[in-house]
Amino acid sequence: MNGALVVAAILAIVCVVLVALPFLREPEPASDELDELTPERRARLALAEERDRALAALKELEADHRAGRVNDDDYRASIGPLRREAAEALRALDS
């Protein structure tokens, strides 16, 4: 009876170790693309970030104008350059 319990305990420990082993290993990355960016990909990433900043600024300006924090004159003065900046970034990304 005691021998069966010892064997069962050892078997349980072995099973737990075998199941947990993949989770305990440090995974090796297949590739670290951030270090491998080509100049073209870096330029494309910069354009995408510029586009995102311009679109976020447009969204914030629209929200501020609707909430009354930006008056109509300031809104009209700011919306054009922001739209041009976003459009230029979008055109550059398309080409």
C-alpha atoms as a PDB file:
ATOM      1  CA  MET A   1       0.000   0.000   0.000  1.00  0.00           C
ATOM      2  CA  ASN A   2       2.776   2.462   0.932  1.00  0.00           C
ATOM      3  CA  GLY A   3       4.717   1.485  -2.166  1.00  0.00           C
ATOM      4  CA  ALA A   4       1.712   2.303  -4.359  1.00  0.00           C
ATOM      5  CA  LEU A   5       1.379   5.739  -2.744  1.00  0.00           C
ATOM      6  CA  VAL A   6       5.065   6.500  -3.300  1.00  0.00           C
ATOM      7  CA  VAL A   7       4.842   5.441  -6.939  1.00  0.00           C
ATOM      8  CA  ALA A   8       1.666   7.528  -7.407  1.00  0.00           C
ATOM      9  CA  ALA A   9       3.306  10.586  -5.794  1.00  0.00           C
ATOM     10  CA  ILE A  10       6.416  10.241  -7.967  1.00  0.00           C
ATOM     11  CA  LEU A  11       4.242   9.811 -11.054  1.00  0.00           C
ATOM     12  CA  ALA A  12       2.217  12.905 -10.120  1.00  0.00           C
ATOM     13  CA  ILE A  13       5.394  14.966  -9.623  1.00  0.00           C
ATOM     14  CA  VAL A  14       6.809  13.810 -12.959  1.00  0.00           C
ATOM     15  CA  CYS A  15       3.535  14.701 -14.714  1.00  0.00           C
ATOM     16  CA  VAL A  16       3.442  18.178 -13.147  1.00  0.00           C
ATOM     17  CA  VAL A  17       7.063  18.833 -14.131  1.00  0.00           C
ATOM     18  CA  LEU A  18       6.489  17.644 -17.712  1.00  0.00           C
ATOM     19  CA  VAL A  19       3.392  19.818 -18.092  1.00  0.00           C
ATOM     20  CA  ALA A  20       5.030  22.888 -16.530  1.00  0.00           C
ATOM     21  CA  LEU A  21       8.356  22.586 -18.375  1.00  0.00           C
ATOM     22  CA  PRO A  22       7.314  24.528 -21.516  1.00  0.00           C
ATOM     23  CA  PHE A  23       6.086  27.389 -19.332  1.00  0.00           C
ATOM     24  CA  LEU A  24       9.319  27.537 -17.338  1.00  0.00           C
ATOM     25  CA  ARG A  25      11.628  27.872 -20.348  1.00  0.00           C
ATOM     26  CA  GLU A  26      12.668  31.303 -21.561  1.00  0.00           C
ATOM     27  CA  PRO A  27      11.251  31.711 -25.058  1.00  0.00           C
ATOM     28  CA  GLU A  28      13.687  32.608 -27.806  1.00  0.00           C
ATOM     29  CA  PRO A  29      12.422  35.318 -30.136  1.00  0.00           C
ATOM     30  CA  ALA A  30      12.391  34.340 -33.793  1.00  0.00           C
ATOM     31  CA  SER A  31      13.319  37.868 -34.780  1.00  0.00           C
ATOM     32  CA  ASP A  32      13.609  41.279 -33.201  1.00  0.00           C
ATOM     33  CA  GLU A  33      12.224  43.391 -36.026  1.00  0.00           C
ATOM     34  CA  LEU A  34      12.799  46.687 -34.232  1.00  0.00           C
ATOM     35  CA  ASP A  35      16.533  46.205 -34.633  1.00  0.00           C
ATOM     36  CA  GLU A  36      16.136  45.079 -38.233  1.00  0.00           C
ATOM     37  CA  LEU A  37      14.190  48.022 -39.689  1.00  0.00           C
ATOM     38  CA  THR A  38      15.369  49.110 -43.088  1.00  0.00           C
ATOM     39  CA  PRO A  39      15.571  52.836 -43.861  1.00  0.00           C
ATOM     40  CA  GLU A  40      12.435  52.519 -46.005  1.00  0.00           C
ATOM     41  CA  ARG A  41      10.505  50.900 -43.161  1.00  0.00           C
ATOM     42  CA  ARG A  42      11.750  53.536 -40.724  1.00  0.00           C
ATOM     43  CA  ALA A  43      10.534  56.285 -43.080  1.00  0.00           C
ATOM     44  CA  ARG A  44       7.168  54.547 -43.467  1.00  0.00           C
ATOM     45  CA  LEU A  45       6.855  54.203 -39.693  1.00  0.00           C
ATOM     46  CA  ALA A  46       7.649  57.907 -39.255  1.00  0.00           C
ATOM     47  CA  LEU A  47       4.962  58.789 -41.824  1.00  0.00           C
ATOM     48  CA  ALA A  48       2.432  56.577 -40.062  1.00  0.00           C
ATOM     49  CA  GLU A  49       3.236  58.254 -36.740  1.00  0.00           C
ATOM     50  CA  GLU A  50       2.899  61.692 -38.347  1.00  0.00           C
ATOM     51  CA  ARG A  51      -0.484  60.659 -39.788  1.00  0.00           C
ATOM     52  CA  ASP A  52      -1.644  59.380 -36.411  1.00  0.00           C
ATOM     53  CA  ARG A  53      -0.565  62.585 -34.645  1.00  0.00           C
ATOM     54  CA  ALA A  54      -2.352  64.764 -37.207  1.00  0.00           C
ATOM     55  CA  LEU A  55      -5.547  62.710 -37.036  1.00  0.00           C
ATOM     56  CA  ALA A  56      -5.480  62.744 -33.219  1.00  0.00           C
ATOM     57  CA  ALA A  57      -4.994  66.512 -33.230  1.00  0.00           C
ATOM     58  CA  LEU A  58      -7.935  66.882 -35.632  1.00  0.00           C
ATOM     59  CA  LYS A  59     -10.103  64.724 -33.408  1.00  0.00           C
ATOM     60  CA  GLU A  60      -9.136  66.699 -30.320  1.00  0.00           C
ATOM     61  CA  LEU A  61      -9.746  70.029 -32.085  1.00  0.00           C
ATOM     62  CA  GLU A  62     -13.192  68.852 -33.229  1.00  0.00           C
ATOM     63  CA  ALA A  63     -14.078  67.743 -29.684  1.00  0.00           C
ATOM     64  CA  ASP A  64     -12.845  71.013 -28.175  1.00  0.00           C
ATOM     65  CA  HIS A  65     -14.818  73.028 -30.735  1.00  0.00           C
ATOM     66  CA  ARG A  66     -18.009  71.057 -30.082  1.00  0.00           C
ATOM     67  CA  ALA A  67     -17.530  71.465 -26.332  1.00  0.00           C
ATOM     68  CA  GLY A  68     -17.057  75.222 -26.719  1.00  0.00           C
ATOM     69  CA  ARG A  69     -13.447  75.271 -25.540  1.00  0.00           C
ATOM     70  CA  VAL A  70     -12.284  76.542 -28.954  1.00  0.00           C
ATOM     71  CA  ASN A  71     -14.098  79.442 -30.594  1.00  0.00           C
ATOM     72  CA  ASP A  72     -15.056  79.471 -34.285  1.00  0.00           C
ATOM     73  CA  ASP A  73     -12.224  81.769 -35.409  1.00  0.00           C
ATOM     74  CA  ASP A  74      -9.510  79.676 -33.738  1.00  0.00           C
ATOM     75  CA  TYR A  75     -11.136  76.516 -35.082  1.00  0.00           C
ATOM     76  CA  ARG A  76     -11.109  77.811 -38.670  1.00  0.00           C
ATOM     77  CA  ALA A  77      -7.496  78.950 -38.315  1.00  0.00           C
ATOM     78  CA  SER A  78      -6.359  75.578 -36.955  1.00  0.00           C
ATOM     79  CA  ILE A  79      -8.387  73.090 -38.963  1.00  0.00           C
ATOM     80  CA  GLY A  80      -6.824  73.834 -42.374  1.00  0.00           C
ATOM     81  CA  PRO A  81      -3.183  73.209 -41.477  1.00  0.00           C
ATOM     82  CA  LEU A  82      -4.079  70.067 -39.546  1.00  0.00           C
ATOM     83  CA  ARG A  83      -6.077  68.699 -42.482  1.00  0.00           C
ATOM     84  CA  ARG A  84      -3.229  69.474 -44.876  1.00  0.00           C
ATOM     85  CA  GLU A  85      -0.727  67.774 -42.588  1.00  0.00           C
ATOM     86  CA  ALA A  86      -2.913  64.660 -42.338  1.00  0.00           C
ATOM     87  CA  ALA A  87      -3.537  64.616 -46.091  1.00  0.00           C
ATOM     88  CA  GLU A  88       0.181  64.964 -46.880  1.00  0.00           C
ATOM     89  CA  ALA A  89       1.028  62.084 -44.562  1.00  0.00           C
ATOM     90  CA  LEU A  90      -1.718  59.938 -46.111  1.00  0.00           C
ATOM     91  CA  ARG A  91      -0.518  60.726 -49.644  1.00  0.00           C
ATOM     92  CA  ALA A  92       3.060  59.916 -48.692  1.00  0.00           C
ATOM     93  CA  LEU A  93       1.967  56.595 -47.218  1.00  0.00           C
ATOM     94  CA  ASP A  94       0.002  55.715 -50.355  1.00  0.00           C
ATOM     95  CA  SER A  95       3.002  56.205 -52.635  1.00  0.00           C
END
